[in-house]
C-alpha atoms as a PDB file:
ATOM      1  CA  MET A   1     -13.657 -16.198  -3.132  1.00  0.00           C
ATOM      2  CA  THR A   2     -11.864 -14.737  -6.814  1.00  0.00           C
ATOM      3  CA  SER A   3      -9.253 -12.248  -5.334  1.00  0.00           C
ATOM      4  CA  VAL A   4      -7.743  -9.040  -8.034  1.00  0.00           C
ATOM      5  CA  ARG A   5      -4.066  -8.917  -9.870  1.00  0.00           C
ATOM      6  CA  VAL A   6      -2.571  -6.387  -7.679  1.00  0.00           C
ATOM      7  CA  GLN A   7       0.194  -4.414  -9.267  1.00  0.00           C
ATOM      8  CA  PHE A   8       2.545  -2.147  -7.403  1.00  0.00           C
ATOM      9  CA  ASP A   9       3.732   1.207  -8.629  1.00  0.00           C
ATOM     10  CA  VAL A  10       7.707   1.003  -9.140  1.00  0.00           C
ATOM     11  CA  ALA A  11       7.567   3.395  -6.950  1.00  0.00           C
ATOM     12  CA  ALA A  12       5.791   1.993  -4.122  1.00  0.00           C
ATOM     13  CA  THR A  13       8.097  -0.862  -4.655  1.00  0.00           C
ATOM     14  CA  ALA A  14      11.147   0.640  -3.877  1.00  0.00           C
ATOM     15  CA  GLU A  15       8.981   2.143  -0.981  1.00  0.00           C
ATOM     16  CA  ALA A  16       8.046  -0.946   0.739  1.00  0.00           C
ATOM     17  CA  GLU A  17      11.492  -2.174  -0.235  1.00  0.00           C
ATOM     18  CA  ALA A  18      13.196   0.917   1.539  1.00  0.00           C
ATOM     19  CA  ALA A  19      11.053   0.595   4.836  1.00  0.00           C
ATOM     20  CA  ALA A  20      11.590  -2.638   5.113  1.00  0.00           C
ATOM     21  CA  ARG A  21      15.386  -2.000   5.314  1.00  0.00           C
ATOM     22  CA  TRP A  22      15.238   0.913   7.698  1.00  0.00           C
ATOM     23  CA  TYR A  23      13.220  -1.466  10.158  1.00  0.00           C
ATOM     24  CA  GLU A  24      15.867  -4.324   9.452  1.00  0.00           C
ATOM     25  CA  ALA A  25      18.834  -1.992  10.267  1.00  0.00           C
ATOM     26  CA  ARG A  26      16.821  -0.969  13.555  1.00  0.00           C
ATOM     27  CA  GLU A  27      16.512  -4.358  15.273  1.00  0.00           C
ATOM     28  CA  SER A  28      17.125  -7.496  13.231  1.00  0.00           C
ATOM     29  CA  GLY A  29      13.827  -9.308  11.973  1.00  0.00           C
ATOM     30  CA  LEU A  30      11.575  -6.434  11.920  1.00  0.00           C
ATOM     31  CA  GLY A  31      12.319  -5.431   7.968  1.00  0.00           C
ATOM     32  CA  SER A  32      11.212  -9.565   7.411  1.00  0.00           C
ATOM     33  CA  GLU A  33       7.944  -9.030  10.108  1.00  0.00           C
ATOM     34  CA  PHE A  34       7.140  -5.516   7.882  1.00  0.00           C
ATOM     35  CA  LEU A  35       7.209  -7.412   4.493  1.00  0.00           C
ATOM     36  CA  VAL A  36       5.125 -10.201   6.176  1.00  0.00           C
ATOM     37  CA  GLU A  37       2.311  -7.611   7.183  1.00  0.00           C
ATOM     38  CA  LEU A  38       2.202  -5.870   3.708  1.00  0.00           C
ATOM     39  CA  ASP A  39       1.840  -9.493   2.367  1.00  0.00           C
ATOM     40  CA  ARG A  40      -1.038  -9.677   5.030  1.00  0.00           C
ATOM     41  CA  ALA A  41      -2.611  -6.797   3.427  1.00  0.00           C
ATOM     42  CA  ILE A  42      -2.275  -7.058   0.064  1.00  0.00           C
ATOM     43  CA  SER A  43      -3.525 -10.410   0.686  1.00  0.00           C
ATOM     44  CA  GLU A  44      -6.840  -8.893   2.244  1.00  0.00           C
ATOM     45  CA  ILE A  45      -6.772  -6.054  -0.390  1.00  0.00           C
ATOM     46  CA  ALA A  46      -7.289  -8.888  -3.024  1.00  0.00           C
ATOM     47  CA  GLN A  47      -9.786 -10.597  -1.804  1.00  0.00           C
ATOM     48  CA  SER A  48     -12.115  -7.286  -1.316  1.00  0.00           C
ATOM     49  CA  PRO A  49     -10.633  -3.927  -2.578  1.00  0.00           C
ATOM     50  CA  SER A  50     -13.992  -2.180  -2.430  1.00  0.00           C
ATOM     51  CA  SER A  51     -13.426  -2.965   1.779  1.00  0.00           C
ATOM     52  CA  TRP A  52     -11.667   0.187   2.862  1.00  0.00           C
ATOM     53  CA  GLN A  53     -12.054   3.512   3.071  1.00  0.00           C
ATOM     54  CA  VAL A  54     -11.534   5.580   0.654  1.00  0.00           C
ATOM     55  CA  SER A  55      -8.313   8.271   0.770  1.00  0.00           C
ATOM     56  CA  SER A  56      -9.305  11.491   1.998  1.00  0.00           C
ATOM     57  CA  ASP A  57      -6.122  12.962  -0.388  1.00  0.00           C
ATOM     58  CA  ASP A  58      -7.686  11.913  -3.295  1.00  0.00           C
ATOM     59  CA  SER A  59     -11.223   9.825  -3.756  1.00  0.00           C
ATOM     60  CA  ARG A  60      -9.789   7.545  -6.770  1.00  0.00           C
ATOM     61  CA  ALA A  61      -7.610   6.194  -4.387  1.00  0.00           C
ATOM     62  CA  ARG A  62      -8.038   3.938  -1.001  1.00  0.00           C
ATOM     63  CA  ARG A  63      -5.923   3.377   1.804  1.00  0.00           C
ATOM     64  CA  PHE A  64      -5.458  -0.187   4.093  1.00  0.00           C
ATOM     65  CA  LEU A  65      -3.214   1.101   7.198  1.00  0.00           C
ATOM     66  CA  LEU A  66      -1.399  -1.478   8.735  1.00  0.00           C
ATOM     67  CA  SER A  67      -1.743  -2.701  12.492  1.00  0.00           C
ATOM     68  CA  ARG A  68       1.758  -2.735  13.342  1.00  0.00           C
ATOM     69  CA  PHE A  69       3.362  -0.176  11.286  1.00  0.00           C
ATOM     70  CA  PRO A  70       2.774   3.291  10.563  1.00  0.00           C
ATOM     71  CA  PHE A  71       1.967   2.260   7.001  1.00  0.00           C
ATOM     72  CA  SER A  72      -0.760   2.857   4.642  1.00  0.00           C
ATOM     73  CA  ILE A  73      -1.199   1.316   1.693  1.00  0.00           C
ATOM     74  CA  VAL A  74      -2.478   3.316  -1.158  1.00  0.00           C
ATOM     75  CA  TYR A  75      -4.499   1.818  -3.978  1.00  0.00           C
ATOM     76  CA  VAL A  76      -7.141   1.789  -6.837  1.00  0.00           C
ATOM     77  CA  VAL A  77      -9.454  -0.144  -8.052  1.00  0.00           C
ATOM     78  CA  ARG A  78      -8.545   0.085 -11.891  1.00  0.00           C
ATOM     79  CA  THR A  79     -11.365  -2.637 -12.990  1.00  0.00           C
ATOM     80  CA  ASP A  80     -12.768  -5.374 -11.304  1.00  0.00           C
ATOM     81  CA  ASP A  81      -9.883  -8.222 -11.462  1.00  0.00           C
ATOM     82  CA  HIS A  82      -6.714  -5.436 -11.349  1.00  0.00           C
ATOM     83  CA  VAL A  83      -5.878  -3.388  -8.409  1.00  0.00           C
ATOM     84  CA  VAL A  84      -2.594  -1.114  -8.874  1.00  0.00           C
ATOM     85  CA  VAL A  85      -0.656   0.227  -5.321  1.00  0.00           C
ATOM     86  CA  ALA A  86       0.300   3.860  -5.966  1.00  0.00           C
ATOM     87  CA  ALA A  87       1.946   3.875  -2.781  1.00  0.00           C
ATOM     88  CA  VAL A  88       3.251   2.085   0.116  1.00  0.00           C
ATOM     89  CA  ALA A  89       3.135   5.605   2.623  1.00  0.00           C
ATOM     90  CA  HIS A  90       4.560   6.800   6.144  1.00  0.00           C
ATOM     91  CA  ALA A  91       1.321   7.450   8.137  1.00  0.00           C
ATOM     92  CA  LYS A  92       3.040  10.805   9.263  1.00  0.00           C
ATOM     93  CA  ARG A  93       4.960  12.135   6.620  1.00  0.00           C
ATOM     94  CA  ARG A  94       3.976  13.908   2.883  1.00  0.00           C
ATOM     95  CA  PRO A  95       0.197  13.257   2.714  1.00  0.00           C
ATOM     96  CA  GLY A  96      -0.819  13.169  -0.453  1.00  0.00           C
ATOM     97  CA  TYR A  97       2.177  12.958  -2.510  1.00  0.00           C
ATOM     98  CA  TRP A  98       1.776  10.231  -4.702  1.00  0.00           C
ATOM     99  CA  ARG A  99      -1.352  11.960  -6.191  1.00  0.00           C
ATOM    100  CA  GLU A 100       0.860  11.825  -9.059  1.00  0.00           C
ATOM    101  CA  ARG A 101       1.283   8.297  -9.671  1.00  0.00           C
ATOM    102  CA  LEU A 102      -3.099   8.265 -10.637  1.00  0.00           C
ATOM    103  CA  GLY A 103      -2.348   9.725 -13.726  1.00  0.00           C
ATOM    104  CA  LYS A 104      -5.124  13.041 -14.591  1.00  0.00           C
ATOM    105  CA  PRO A 105      -8.275  12.589 -13.128  1.00  0.00           C
END
């Protein structure tokens, strides 16, 4: 199976890094565990980008929910071989804030 190229929006990268730092400050090693789960999720998205649910906040985006941490990866399938991660969003904060990152419909 061929995987697609996954690109992160600059803001999504910053969100992932901030979350990892926050978890690491709470418990040593937890930030690394967050990043490992994030990497696993990105690999799954790259293998089958159309498998996850369409976002209720914007039908152009899909959402992959992390299992251990209360975050979702919001991404857009741009072409058959290109996915853009728009946000690494906390599940309980500011729903849909990332929509502006998708551009105009």
